[in-house]
Amino acid sequence: MKGYQAMPVKRCGECRYFREHYTKISRGRYRALEYGHCVHPRLKKRRAEEYCPHWCARQKDTPAVL
């Protein structure tokens, strides 16, 4: 949009420290679940829609799942 920049959504699902969990649905196909875990500063369970004080934006060239 002209004159405005999109603000990042500061939820766990959009954080660089969030690792989403997947389930296998058929031969070689996976489906993302609505939860995962956070790796900063320690491992903890998180839902994608939660908010966290350690949120940090993902880099654009970094994939969501490593």
Protein backbone atom coordinates (compact mmCIF):
# COMPACT_ATOMS: atom_id res chain seq x y z
CA MET A 1 0.00 0.00 0.00
CA LYS A 2 1.20 3.45 -0.76
CA GLY A 3 2.61 5.27 2.27
CA TYR A 4 2.10 2.39 4.69
CA GLN A 5 4.24 -0.59 5.59
CA ALA A 6 2.72 -3.84 6.74
CA MET A 7 3.45 -4.49 10.39
CA PRO A 8 4.56 -8.04 11.24
CA VAL A 9 2.11 -10.17 13.19
CA LYS A 10 3.83 -10.74 16.54
CA ARG A 11 2.46 -14.21 17.24
CA CYS A 12 4.47 -17.37 17.84
CA GLY A 13 3.51 -18.78 14.44
CA GLU A 14 5.37 -15.88 12.77
CA CYS A 15 8.47 -15.99 15.03
CA ARG A 16 11.93 -17.12 13.96
CA TYR A 17 12.21 -19.30 17.08
CA PHE A 18 8.92 -21.20 16.52
CA ARG A 19 9.12 -24.73 15.09
CA GLU A 20 5.78 -25.98 13.83
CA HIS A 21 4.77 -29.62 14.23
CA TYR A 22 3.40 -31.74 11.38
CA THR A 23 1.43 -34.96 11.01
CA LYS A 24 1.72 -37.45 8.17
CA ILE A 25 -1.61 -37.76 6.32
CA SER A 26 -0.66 -40.11 3.49
CA ARG A 27 2.32 -41.44 1.61
CA GLY A 28 4.84 -38.58 1.62
CA ARG A 29 2.26 -35.88 2.48
CA TYR A 30 2.28 -33.87 5.69
CA ARG A 31 -0.15 -31.41 7.24
CA ALA A 32 0.85 -28.55 9.54
CA LEU A 33 -0.67 -28.57 13.03
CA GLU A 34 -1.68 -25.48 14.99
CA TYR A 35 1.03 -26.00 17.59
CA GLY A 36 4.74 -26.52 17.87
CA HIS A 37 7.56 -25.47 20.14
CA CYS A 38 9.73 -22.44 20.82
CA VAL A 39 13.51 -22.82 20.98
CA HIS A 40 14.41 -19.51 22.68
CA PRO A 41 15.57 -19.12 25.45
CA ARG A 42 14.60 -22.72 26.29
CA LEU A 43 12.35 -25.36 24.74
CA LYS A 44 8.66 -24.83 25.52
CA LYS A 45 5.32 -25.85 23.96
CA ARG A 46 3.47 -23.10 22.09
CA ARG A 47 0.37 -22.69 19.96
CA ALA A 48 0.77 -20.71 16.71
CA GLU A 49 -1.66 -17.98 17.86
CA GLU A 50 0.05 -17.30 21.22
CA TYR A 51 2.10 -14.21 21.98
CA CYS A 52 5.57 -14.31 23.55
CA PRO A 53 7.94 -11.63 24.93
CA HIS A 54 10.85 -13.25 23.02
CA TRP A 55 9.23 -12.74 19.59
CA CYS A 56 11.65 -11.96 16.76
CA ALA A 57 10.73 -11.51 13.09
CA ARG A 58 11.64 -14.24 10.62
CA GLN A 59 14.15 -13.31 7.97
CA LYS A 60 12.58 -13.27 4.50
CA ASP A 61 15.05 -15.72 2.93
CA THR A 62 14.87 -18.21 5.83
CA PRO A 63 12.33 -21.05 5.47
CA ALA A 64 9.77 -21.54 8.24
CA VAL A 65 10.89 -25.10 8.95
CA LEU A 66 14.56 -26.02 9.00
